[in-house]
Amino acid sequence: EYWVDLLRRLEAKPGFSNRLTLDLYRLRAATKTLDSPNEVVEMAQLALQQKQAGEAKKLLDEAFASGLLGKGTEAERQKRLLALATERATEAPAQLKQAEAEALASSDASELVSVGFAYTGLGQFDKGIALMRQAIAQGKLKRADEANLHLGIAYLRAGQKAKARETFKLVGGTDGTADLARLWMRIG
């Protein structure tokens, strides 16, 4: 109940950016407060839209295995979403390789952060974290705080809690990124 209340208040906080909705869902999943089929489906759809196919597939696989998805009137739609996520996750390595080359040539390092984060969603932690660190070191980011938030989450995915904490401490901002980072430190 503590986490549910805390995360609802964060989302309702003035200035909280809608672009952080997927990040809020990630925190809800990590705190086991993402417990409705509609929220799981929405998170998976957002992850797919942001080219995080590995993350979407893992989330859906877990929801089907636990029995949260795959039954009731929405079962067929949920199965189609899982099939789409599975297809995209299978295609992701080749697509990420191309996206990585394009991101390395870009003057905006934000896309490289996204590509690196996608690699961590596929379980390729070392490669993903290296790309994210490279992008952050370039300093050509539209949203440096969001990049550090995602790097911290990537470190947690890789089981590197100390590095995750250090990275979360670097996150500032008034759009919700700093609040999310502080909450991630509580569970990391």
N, C-alpha and C. Protein backbone atom coordinates (compact mmCIF):
# COMPACT_ATOMS: atom_id res chain seq x y z
N GLU A 1 0.82 -1.20 0.00
CA GLU A 1 0.00 0.00 0.00
C GLU A 1 0.87 1.26 0.00
N TYR A 2 2.00 1.19 0.70
CA TYR A 2 2.91 2.32 0.77
C TYR A 2 3.36 2.73 -0.63
N TRP A 3 3.82 1.76 -1.42
CA TRP A 3 4.31 2.05 -2.76
C TRP A 3 3.20 2.53 -3.68
N VAL A 4 2.03 1.92 -3.58
CA VAL A 4 0.90 2.33 -4.42
C VAL A 4 0.58 3.79 -4.17
N ASP A 5 0.48 4.16 -2.91
CA ASP A 5 0.17 5.54 -2.55
C ASP A 5 1.27 6.50 -3.00
N LEU A 6 2.49 6.13 -2.73
CA LEU A 6 3.63 6.99 -3.09
C LEU A 6 3.71 7.23 -4.59
N LEU A 7 3.51 6.19 -5.37
CA LEU A 7 3.61 6.32 -6.83
C LEU A 7 2.41 7.06 -7.41
N ARG A 8 1.26 6.91 -6.83
CA ARG A 8 0.10 7.69 -7.29
C ARG A 8 0.31 9.18 -7.03
N ARG A 9 0.86 9.50 -5.84
CA ARG A 9 1.12 10.90 -5.53
C ARG A 9 2.18 11.48 -6.47
N LEU A 10 3.18 10.70 -6.80
CA LEU A 10 4.22 11.17 -7.71
C LEU A 10 3.62 11.48 -9.08
N GLU A 11 2.79 10.59 -9.59
CA GLU A 11 2.19 10.80 -10.90
C GLU A 11 1.28 12.03 -10.92
N ALA A 12 0.63 12.32 -9.80
CA ALA A 12 -0.29 13.46 -9.72
C ALA A 12 0.43 14.76 -9.38
N LYS A 13 1.71 14.68 -9.08
CA LYS A 13 2.47 15.85 -8.68
C LYS A 13 2.53 16.87 -9.83
N PRO A 14 2.29 18.15 -9.52
CA PRO A 14 2.39 19.17 -10.57
C PRO A 14 3.78 19.14 -11.23
N GLY A 15 3.79 19.19 -12.54
CA GLY A 15 5.05 19.20 -13.27
C GLY A 15 5.54 17.81 -13.68
N PHE A 16 4.87 16.74 -13.21
CA PHE A 16 5.30 15.40 -13.60
C PHE A 16 5.04 15.22 -15.09
N SER A 17 6.09 14.88 -15.83
CA SER A 17 6.00 14.78 -17.28
C SER A 17 5.38 13.46 -17.73
N ASN A 18 4.45 13.54 -18.66
CA ASN A 18 3.82 12.34 -19.21
C ASN A 18 4.81 11.44 -19.94
N ARG A 19 5.91 12.00 -20.40
CA ARG A 19 6.88 11.16 -21.11
C ARG A 19 7.57 10.18 -20.16
N LEU A 20 7.37 10.36 -18.85
CA LEU A 20 7.96 9.46 -17.85
C LEU A 20 7.00 8.35 -17.43
N THR A 21 5.88 8.22 -18.12
CA THR A 21 4.88 7.21 -17.75
C THR A 21 5.48 5.81 -17.77
N LEU A 22 6.24 5.48 -18.80
CA LEU A 22 6.86 4.15 -18.86
C LEU A 22 7.83 3.96 -17.70
N ASP A 23 8.56 5.00 -17.35
CA ASP A 23 9.49 4.90 -16.22
C ASP A 23 8.74 4.68 -14.91
N LEU A 24 7.59 5.30 -14.77
CA LEU A 24 6.75 5.08 -13.59
C LEU A 24 6.26 3.63 -13.57
N TYR A 25 5.84 3.12 -14.72
CA TYR A 25 5.43 1.72 -14.80
C TYR A 25 6.59 0.78 -14.44
N ARG A 26 7.79 1.14 -14.89
CA ARG A 26 8.95 0.30 -14.55
C ARG A 26 9.13 0.21 -13.04
N LEU A 27 8.97 1.33 -12.38
CA LEU A 27 9.11 1.35 -10.93
C LEU A 27 7.97 0.55 -10.28
N ARG A 28 6.78 0.67 -10.83
CA ARG A 28 5.65 -0.09 -10.30
C ARG A 28 5.89 -1.59 -10.48
N ALA A 29 6.44 -1.98 -11.61
CA ALA A 29 6.75 -3.40 -11.83
C ALA A 29 7.80 -3.87 -10.83
N ALA A 30 8.81 -3.04 -10.60
CA ALA A 30 9.88 -3.42 -9.67
C ALA A 30 9.39 -3.51 -8.22
N THR A 31 8.37 -2.74 -7.88
CA THR A 31 7.84 -2.76 -6.52
C THR A 31 6.62 -3.67 -6.39
N LYS A 32 6.35 -4.44 -7.43
CA LYS A 32 5.22 -5.39 -7.45
C LYS A 32 3.87 -4.71 -7.24
N THR A 33 3.73 -3.47 -7.72
CA THR A 33 2.46 -2.75 -7.61
C THR A 33 1.79 -2.59 -8.98
N LEU A 34 2.35 -3.22 -9.97
CA LEU A 34 1.75 -3.24 -11.31
C LEU A 34 0.93 -4.53 -11.38
N ASP A 35 -0.33 -4.44 -10.98
CA ASP A 35 -1.07 -5.67 -10.77
C ASP A 35 -2.40 -5.77 -11.52
N SER A 36 -2.67 -4.85 -12.44
CA SER A 36 -3.90 -4.99 -13.23
C SER A 36 -3.52 -5.33 -14.67
N PRO A 37 -4.30 -6.19 -15.30
CA PRO A 37 -4.02 -6.54 -16.69
C PRO A 37 -3.92 -5.33 -17.61
N ASN A 38 -4.80 -4.35 -17.43
CA ASN A 38 -4.78 -3.17 -18.29
C ASN A 38 -3.47 -2.40 -18.15
N GLU A 39 -2.95 -2.29 -16.93
CA GLU A 39 -1.69 -1.58 -16.73
C GLU A 39 -0.52 -2.34 -17.34
N VAL A 40 -0.52 -3.64 -17.22
CA VAL A 40 0.55 -4.44 -17.82
C VAL A 40 0.53 -4.29 -19.34
N VAL A 41 -0.67 -4.35 -19.91
CA VAL A 41 -0.81 -4.19 -21.37
C VAL A 41 -0.34 -2.80 -21.79
N GLU A 42 -0.75 -1.78 -21.04
CA GLU A 42 -0.34 -0.41 -21.38
C GLU A 42 1.18 -0.26 -21.28
N MET A 43 1.78 -0.82 -20.23
CA MET A 43 3.23 -0.73 -20.10
C MET A 43 3.93 -1.43 -21.27
N ALA A 44 3.43 -2.60 -21.62
CA ALA A 44 4.04 -3.34 -22.74
C ALA A 44 3.91 -2.55 -24.04
N GLN A 45 2.76 -1.95 -24.27
CA GLN A 45 2.56 -1.15 -25.48
C GLN A 45 3.50 0.05 -25.50
N LEU A 46 3.65 0.72 -24.37
CA LEU A 46 4.57 1.86 -24.29
C LEU A 46 6.01 1.42 -24.54
N ALA A 47 6.37 0.28 -23.97
CA ALA A 47 7.73 -0.23 -24.19
C ALA A 47 7.96 -0.53 -25.67
N LEU A 48 6.99 -1.13 -26.32
CA LEU A 48 7.13 -1.41 -27.75
C LEU A 48 7.24 -0.12 -28.56
N GLN A 49 6.44 0.88 -28.20
CA GLN A 49 6.50 2.17 -28.90
C GLN A 49 7.87 2.82 -28.74
N GLN A 50 8.50 2.61 -27.60
CA GLN A 50 9.82 3.21 -27.35
C GLN A 50 10.95 2.26 -27.73
N LYS A 51 10.63 1.26 -28.53
CA LYS A 51 11.61 0.31 -29.07
C LYS A 51 12.34 -0.47 -27.97
N GLN A 52 11.60 -0.83 -26.94
CA GLN A 52 12.12 -1.63 -25.84
C GLN A 52 11.44 -3.00 -25.87
N ALA A 53 11.61 -3.71 -26.98
CA ALA A 53 10.91 -4.98 -27.22
C ALA A 53 11.27 -6.05 -26.21
N GLY A 54 12.52 -6.13 -25.82
CA GLY A 54 12.94 -7.14 -24.85
C GLY A 54 12.24 -6.94 -23.51
N GLU A 55 12.13 -5.70 -23.11
CA GLU A 55 11.45 -5.37 -21.86
C GLU A 55 9.96 -5.73 -21.95
N ALA A 56 9.32 -5.40 -23.07
CA ALA A 56 7.90 -5.70 -23.26
C ALA A 56 7.66 -7.20 -23.22
N LYS A 57 8.51 -7.96 -23.92
CA LYS A 57 8.34 -9.41 -23.95
C LYS A 57 8.50 -10.01 -22.56
N LYS A 58 9.51 -9.59 -21.84
CA LYS A 58 9.76 -10.12 -20.49
C LYS A 58 8.56 -9.83 -19.59
N LEU A 59 8.06 -8.61 -19.63
CA LEU A 59 6.91 -8.23 -18.83
C LEU A 59 5.70 -9.10 -19.15
N LEU A 60 5.40 -9.26 -20.44
CA LEU A 60 4.25 -10.06 -20.85
C LEU A 60 4.43 -11.53 -20.51
N ASP A 61 5.63 -12.06 -20.71
CA ASP A 61 5.90 -13.46 -20.35
C ASP A 61 5.61 -13.70 -18.86
N GLU A 62 6.08 -12.78 -18.02
CA GLU A 62 5.86 -12.91 -16.58
C GLU A 62 4.38 -12.81 -16.24
N ALA A 63 3.67 -11.89 -16.89
CA ALA A 63 2.24 -11.71 -16.62
C ALA A 63 1.43 -12.93 -17.05
N PHE A 64 1.81 -13.55 -18.17
CA PHE A 64 1.12 -14.77 -18.60
C PHE A 64 1.45 -15.92 -17.66
N ALA A 65 2.72 -16.03 -17.27
CA ALA A 65 3.13 -17.12 -16.38
C ALA A 65 2.44 -17.04 -15.01
N SER A 66 2.21 -15.83 -14.53
CA SER A 66 1.57 -15.65 -13.23
C SER A 66 0.05 -15.79 -13.31
N GLY A 67 -0.50 -15.80 -14.52
CA GLY A 67 -1.94 -15.90 -14.69
C GLY A 67 -2.65 -14.56 -14.72
N LEU A 68 -1.89 -13.47 -14.65
CA LEU A 68 -2.51 -12.14 -14.71
C LEU A 68 -3.09 -11.87 -16.09
N LEU A 69 -2.41 -12.35 -17.12
CA LEU A 69 -2.90 -12.20 -18.49
C LEU A 69 -3.23 -13.56 -19.07
N GLY A 70 -4.02 -13.54 -20.14
CA GLY A 70 -4.32 -14.77 -20.86
C GLY A 70 -5.66 -15.38 -20.54
N LYS A 71 -6.49 -14.66 -19.82
CA LYS A 71 -7.83 -15.18 -19.51
C LYS A 71 -8.83 -14.05 -19.60
N GLY A 72 -10.08 -14.41 -19.67
CA GLY A 72 -11.13 -13.40 -19.75
C GLY A 72 -11.37 -12.91 -21.17
N THR A 73 -12.14 -11.85 -21.27
CA THR A 73 -12.54 -11.33 -22.58
C THR A 73 -11.40 -10.72 -23.37
N GLU A 74 -10.33 -10.31 -22.69
CA GLU A 74 -9.20 -9.67 -23.38
C GLU A 74 -8.07 -10.66 -23.71
N ALA A 75 -8.28 -11.95 -23.45
CA ALA A 75 -7.22 -12.94 -23.62
C ALA A 75 -6.65 -12.97 -25.04
N GLU A 76 -7.49 -12.93 -26.05
CA GLU A 76 -7.00 -12.98 -27.43
C GLU A 76 -6.17 -11.76 -27.77
N ARG A 77 -6.63 -10.61 -27.34
CA ARG A 77 -5.87 -9.37 -27.59
C ARG A 77 -4.52 -9.42 -26.88
N GLN A 78 -4.51 -9.93 -25.66
CA GLN A 78 -3.27 -10.04 -24.91
C GLN A 78 -2.30 -11.02 -25.58
N LYS A 79 -2.83 -12.11 -26.12
CA LYS A 79 -1.99 -13.09 -26.81
C LYS A 79 -1.39 -12.49 -28.09
N ARG A 80 -2.19 -11.66 -28.78
CA ARG A 80 -1.66 -10.99 -29.99
C ARG A 80 -0.54 -10.02 -29.61
N LEU A 81 -0.71 -9.32 -28.48
CA LEU A 81 0.33 -8.40 -28.03
C LEU A 81 1.61 -9.16 -27.67
N LEU A 82 1.45 -10.31 -27.02
CA LEU A 82 2.62 -11.14 -26.71
C LEU A 82 3.30 -11.62 -27.99
N ALA A 83 2.51 -12.02 -28.98
CA ALA A 83 3.09 -12.46 -30.25
C ALA A 83 3.85 -11.32 -30.92
N LEU A 84 3.30 -10.12 -30.88
CA LEU A 84 3.98 -8.96 -31.44
C LEU A 84 5.28 -8.67 -30.69
N ALA A 85 5.22 -8.69 -29.37
CA ALA A 85 6.42 -8.44 -28.56
C ALA A 85 7.48 -9.50 -28.82
N THR A 86 7.07 -10.74 -28.95
CA THR A 86 8.01 -11.83 -29.23
C THR A 86 8.67 -11.62 -30.59
N GLU A 87 7.87 -11.26 -31.58
CA GLU A 87 8.41 -10.99 -32.92
C GLU A 87 9.40 -9.83 -32.89
N ARG A 88 9.01 -8.76 -32.24
CA ARG A 88 9.90 -7.58 -32.18
C ARG A 88 11.17 -7.88 -31.39
N ALA A 89 11.06 -8.66 -30.32
CA ALA A 89 12.25 -9.01 -29.52
C ALA A 89 13.20 -9.90 -30.34
N THR A 90 12.63 -10.74 -31.19
CA THR A 90 13.45 -11.60 -32.07
C THR A 90 14.18 -10.75 -33.11
N GLU A 91 13.49 -9.74 -33.63
CA GLU A 91 14.08 -8.85 -34.64
C GLU A 91 15.01 -7.81 -34.02
N ALA A 92 14.89 -7.58 -32.73
CA ALA A 92 15.59 -6.47 -32.07
C ALA A 92 17.10 -6.47 -32.24
N PRO A 93 17.81 -7.60 -32.08
CA PRO A 93 19.27 -7.53 -32.22
C PRO A 93 19.73 -6.94 -33.55
N ALA A 94 19.12 -7.36 -34.65
CA ALA A 94 19.52 -6.83 -35.96
C ALA A 94 19.14 -5.36 -36.08
N GLN A 95 17.95 -5.01 -35.60
CA GLN A 95 17.51 -3.62 -35.67
C GLN A 95 18.36 -2.73 -34.77
N LEU A 96 18.73 -3.24 -33.60
CA LEU A 96 19.56 -2.44 -32.70
C LEU A 96 20.95 -2.20 -33.27
N LYS A 97 21.46 -3.18 -33.98
CA LYS A 97 22.78 -3.00 -34.60
C LYS A 97 22.75 -1.84 -35.59
N GLN A 98 21.69 -1.79 -36.40
CA GLN A 98 21.53 -0.69 -37.36
C GLN A 98 21.29 0.63 -36.63
N ALA A 99 20.42 0.61 -35.62
CA ALA A 99 20.11 1.82 -34.85
C ALA A 99 21.35 2.33 -34.13
N GLU A 100 22.19 1.42 -33.67
CA GLU A 100 23.43 1.80 -33.00
C GLU A 100 24.35 2.56 -33.96
N ALA A 101 24.49 2.05 -35.17
CA ALA A 101 25.34 2.71 -36.17
C ALA A 101 24.81 4.11 -36.47
N GLU A 102 23.49 4.23 -36.62
CA GLU A 102 22.88 5.53 -36.89
C GLU A 102 23.06 6.48 -35.70
N ALA A 103 22.89 5.95 -34.50
CA ALA A 103 23.01 6.78 -33.29
C ALA A 103 24.44 7.26 -33.08
N LEU A 104 25.40 6.41 -33.41
CA LEU A 104 26.81 6.81 -33.27
C LEU A 104 27.16 7.95 -34.23
N ALA A 105 26.47 8.00 -35.36
CA ALA A 105 26.73 9.05 -36.35
C ALA A 105 25.93 10.32 -36.07
N SER A 106 24.97 10.26 -35.17
CA SER A 106 24.10 11.39 -34.88
C SER A 106 24.78 12.41 -33.97
N SER A 107 24.35 13.66 -34.09
CA SER A 107 24.90 14.70 -33.21
C SER A 107 24.19 14.72 -31.86
N ASP A 108 23.04 14.06 -31.76
CA ASP A 108 22.30 13.96 -30.51
C ASP A 108 22.52 12.57 -29.92
N ALA A 109 23.11 12.51 -28.75
CA ALA A 109 23.45 11.22 -28.13
C ALA A 109 22.25 10.54 -27.48
N SER A 110 21.10 11.18 -27.46
CA SER A 110 19.92 10.60 -26.81
C SER A 110 19.51 9.26 -27.40
N GLU A 111 19.62 9.14 -28.71
CA GLU A 111 19.23 7.88 -29.36
C GLU A 111 20.17 6.75 -28.94
N LEU A 112 21.44 7.07 -28.72
CA LEU A 112 22.40 6.05 -28.29
C LEU A 112 22.04 5.54 -26.89
N VAL A 113 21.54 6.43 -26.04
CA VAL A 113 21.08 6.01 -24.71
C VAL A 113 19.92 5.03 -24.87
N SER A 114 18.99 5.35 -25.75
CA SER A 114 17.83 4.49 -25.98
C SER A 114 18.25 3.12 -26.52
N VAL A 115 19.19 3.12 -27.45
CA VAL A 115 19.68 1.86 -28.02
C VAL A 115 20.37 1.03 -26.92
N GLY A 116 21.20 1.69 -26.13
CA GLY A 116 21.88 0.99 -25.04
C GLY A 116 20.89 0.40 -24.04
N PHE A 117 19.87 1.19 -23.72
CA PHE A 117 18.85 0.72 -22.78
C PHE A 117 18.11 -0.48 -23.35
N ALA A 118 17.85 -0.46 -24.66
CA ALA A 118 17.18 -1.59 -25.31
C ALA A 118 18.04 -2.85 -25.22
N TYR A 119 19.35 -2.70 -25.37
CA TYR A 119 20.23 -3.86 -25.23
C TYR A 119 20.11 -4.45 -23.82
N THR A 120 20.00 -3.60 -22.80
CA THR A 120 19.88 -4.14 -21.43
C THR A 120 18.55 -4.86 -21.25
N GLY A 121 17.52 -4.42 -21.97
CA GLY A 121 16.23 -5.12 -21.92
C GLY A 121 16.30 -6.50 -22.54
N LEU A 122 17.28 -6.71 -23.40
CA LEU A 122 17.50 -8.02 -24.02
C LEU A 122 18.50 -8.87 -23.23
N GLY A 123 18.98 -8.31 -22.11
CA GLY A 123 19.93 -9.04 -21.28
C GLY A 123 21.39 -8.81 -21.65
N GLN A 124 21.66 -7.94 -22.61
CA GLN A 124 23.03 -7.63 -23.02
C GLN A 124 23.51 -6.41 -22.22
N PHE A 125 23.73 -6.63 -20.93
CA PHE A 125 24.00 -5.55 -20.00
C PHE A 125 25.30 -4.81 -20.28
N ASP A 126 26.38 -5.53 -20.48
CA ASP A 126 27.68 -4.88 -20.68
C ASP A 126 27.65 -3.98 -21.91
N LYS A 127 27.14 -4.50 -23.00
CA LYS A 127 27.07 -3.72 -24.23
C LYS A 127 26.17 -2.50 -24.06
N GLY A 128 24.99 -2.71 -23.50
CA GLY A 128 24.04 -1.62 -23.32
C GLY A 128 24.56 -0.53 -22.40
N ILE A 129 25.12 -0.92 -21.29
CA ILE A 129 25.65 0.06 -20.34
C ILE A 129 26.81 0.83 -20.95
N ALA A 130 27.67 0.14 -21.69
CA ALA A 130 28.80 0.82 -22.34
C ALA A 130 28.30 1.89 -23.32
N LEU A 131 27.29 1.57 -24.10
CA LEU A 131 26.74 2.54 -25.04
C LEU A 131 26.10 3.73 -24.31
N MET A 132 25.39 3.44 -23.25
CA MET A 132 24.75 4.51 -22.49
C MET A 132 25.79 5.43 -21.86
N ARG A 133 26.83 4.84 -21.30
CA ARG A 133 27.90 5.65 -20.69
C ARG A 133 28.60 6.50 -21.74
N GLN A 134 28.82 5.91 -22.92
CA GLN A 134 29.46 6.65 -24.02
C GLN A 134 28.60 7.84 -24.41
N ALA A 135 27.30 7.64 -24.51
CA ALA A 135 26.38 8.72 -24.89
C ALA A 135 26.38 9.83 -23.84
N ILE A 136 26.33 9.46 -22.59
CA ILE A 136 26.30 10.45 -21.50
C ILE A 136 27.62 11.22 -21.46
N ALA A 137 28.73 10.53 -21.70
CA ALA A 137 30.04 11.18 -21.70
C ALA A 137 30.16 12.21 -22.83
N GLN A 138 29.46 11.98 -23.94
CA GLN A 138 29.50 12.93 -25.05
C GLN A 138 28.88 14.27 -24.64
N GLY A 139 27.90 14.21 -23.76
CA GLY A 139 27.27 15.43 -23.28
C GLY A 139 26.29 16.08 -24.24
N LYS A 140 25.97 15.43 -25.33
CA LYS A 140 25.05 16.01 -26.32
C LYS A 140 23.67 15.40 -26.15
N LEU A 141 23.09 15.58 -24.98
CA LEU A 141 21.81 14.97 -24.66
C LEU A 141 20.73 16.02 -24.49
N LYS A 142 19.54 15.71 -24.98
CA LYS A 142 18.40 16.60 -24.76
C LYS A 142 17.96 16.52 -23.30
N ARG A 143 18.03 15.33 -22.73
CA ARG A 143 17.58 15.11 -21.35
C ARG A 143 18.61 14.27 -20.60
N ALA A 144 19.63 14.92 -20.06
CA ALA A 144 20.70 14.21 -19.35
C ALA A 144 20.18 13.51 -18.11
N ASP A 145 19.24 14.13 -17.40
CA ASP A 145 18.70 13.50 -16.19
C ASP A 145 17.99 12.20 -16.52
N GLU A 146 17.23 12.20 -17.58
CA GLU A 146 16.53 10.99 -17.99
C GLU A 146 17.53 9.91 -18.43
N ALA A 147 18.60 10.31 -19.09
CA ALA A 147 19.63 9.36 -19.50
C ALA A 147 20.28 8.71 -18.28
N ASN A 148 20.57 9.51 -17.26
CA ASN A 148 21.15 8.94 -16.04
C ASN A 148 20.15 8.06 -15.30
N LEU A 149 18.88 8.42 -15.31
CA LEU A 149 17.85 7.57 -14.71
C LEU A 149 17.85 6.21 -15.39
N HIS A 150 17.88 6.20 -16.71
CA HIS A 150 17.87 4.94 -17.45
C HIS A 150 19.16 4.16 -17.24
N LEU A 151 20.28 4.86 -17.12
CA LEU A 151 21.54 4.16 -16.84
C LEU A 151 21.48 3.51 -15.46
N GLY A 152 20.91 4.20 -14.49
CA GLY A 152 20.76 3.61 -13.16
C GLY A 152 19.90 2.36 -13.19
N ILE A 153 18.81 2.41 -13.94
CA ILE A 153 17.93 1.23 -14.08
C ILE A 153 18.69 0.10 -14.77
N ALA A 154 19.50 0.46 -15.77
CA ALA A 154 20.29 -0.55 -16.48
C ALA A 154 21.28 -1.23 -15.52
N TYR A 155 21.91 -0.44 -14.66
CA TYR A 155 22.81 -1.03 -13.66
C TYR A 155 22.05 -1.98 -12.74
N LEU A 156 20.85 -1.60 -12.33
CA LEU A 156 20.05 -2.50 -11.49
C LEU A 156 19.72 -3.78 -12.23
N ARG A 157 19.35 -3.66 -13.51
CA ARG A 157 19.06 -4.85 -14.31
C ARG A 157 20.26 -5.78 -14.34
N ALA A 158 21.44 -5.19 -14.36
CA ALA A 158 22.68 -5.97 -14.43
C ALA A 158 23.14 -6.46 -13.06
N GLY A 159 22.41 -6.09 -12.01
CA GLY A 159 22.77 -6.51 -10.66
C GLY A 159 23.88 -5.68 -10.02
N GLN A 160 24.16 -4.51 -10.58
CA GLN A 160 25.22 -3.64 -10.07
C GLN A 160 24.60 -2.52 -9.22
N LYS A 161 24.19 -2.89 -8.01
CA LYS A 161 23.43 -1.97 -7.16
C LYS A 161 24.23 -0.73 -6.75
N ALA A 162 25.51 -0.89 -6.44
CA ALA A 162 26.32 0.25 -6.00
C ALA A 162 26.43 1.29 -7.12
N LYS A 163 26.69 0.83 -8.33
CA LYS A 163 26.79 1.75 -9.46
C LYS A 163 25.42 2.39 -9.76
N ALA A 164 24.36 1.62 -9.58
CA ALA A 164 23.02 2.17 -9.79
C ALA A 164 22.77 3.31 -8.81
N ARG A 165 23.10 3.11 -7.56
CA ARG A 165 22.90 4.16 -6.54
C ARG A 165 23.70 5.42 -6.89
N GLU A 166 24.96 5.24 -7.27
CA GLU A 166 25.80 6.38 -7.64
C GLU A 166 25.17 7.15 -8.80
N THR A 167 24.66 6.43 -9.77
CA THR A 167 24.08 7.05 -10.95
C THR A 167 22.77 7.76 -10.60
N PHE A 168 21.93 7.13 -9.79
CA PHE A 168 20.67 7.77 -9.39
C PHE A 168 20.92 9.07 -8.65
N LYS A 169 22.01 9.16 -7.92
CA LYS A 169 22.33 10.40 -7.19
C LYS A 169 22.63 11.56 -8.13
N LEU A 170 22.98 11.27 -9.36
CA LEU A 170 23.30 12.31 -10.35
C LEU A 170 22.05 12.90 -11.00
N VAL A 171 20.91 12.26 -10.80
CA VAL A 171 19.68 12.66 -11.50
C VAL A 171 19.04 13.84 -10.79
N GLY A 172 18.79 14.89 -11.56
CA GLY A 172 18.10 16.07 -11.06
C GLY A 172 16.83 16.27 -11.87
N GLY A 173 16.39 17.49 -11.94
CA GLY A 173 15.23 17.81 -12.75
C GLY A 173 13.97 17.98 -11.92
N THR A 174 13.05 18.74 -12.47
CA THR A 174 11.79 19.01 -11.79
C THR A 174 10.60 18.37 -12.50
N ASP A 175 10.89 17.54 -13.51
CA ASP A 175 9.82 16.92 -14.29
C ASP A 175 9.42 15.55 -13.78
N GLY A 176 10.03 15.10 -12.69
CA GLY A 176 9.75 13.79 -12.12
C GLY A 176 10.93 12.85 -12.16
N THR A 177 11.96 13.17 -12.96
CA THR A 177 13.11 12.27 -13.06
C THR A 177 13.83 12.13 -11.72
N ALA A 178 14.04 13.24 -11.02
CA ALA A 178 14.74 13.17 -9.73
C ALA A 178 13.92 12.38 -8.71
N ASP A 179 12.61 12.59 -8.72
CA ASP A 179 11.74 11.84 -7.81
C ASP A 179 11.81 10.34 -8.10
N LEU A 180 11.76 9.98 -9.36
CA LEU A 180 11.86 8.57 -9.73
C LEU A 180 13.20 7.98 -9.30
N ALA A 181 14.27 8.72 -9.51
CA ALA A 181 15.60 8.23 -9.13
C ALA A 181 15.68 7.99 -7.63
N ARG A 182 15.14 8.91 -6.84
CA ARG A 182 15.16 8.74 -5.37
C ARG A 182 14.39 7.48 -4.97
N LEU A 183 13.27 7.22 -5.64
CA LEU A 183 12.49 6.04 -5.32
C LEU A 183 13.21 4.75 -5.75
N TRP A 184 13.90 4.81 -6.90
CA TRP A 184 14.66 3.65 -7.33
C TRP A 184 15.75 3.33 -6.31
N MET A 185 16.33 4.35 -5.69
CA MET A 185 17.39 4.09 -4.70
C MET A 185 16.84 3.33 -3.50
N ARG A 186 15.57 3.49 -3.19
CA ARG A 186 14.97 2.78 -2.06
C ARG A 186 14.84 1.27 -2.30
N ILE A 187 14.74 0.89 -3.57
CA ILE A 187 14.58 -0.53 -3.85
C ILE A 187 15.85 -1.15 -4.38
N GLY A 188 16.80 -0.31 -4.80
CA GLY A 188 18.02 -0.82 -5.43
C GLY A 188 19.05 -1.34 -4.49
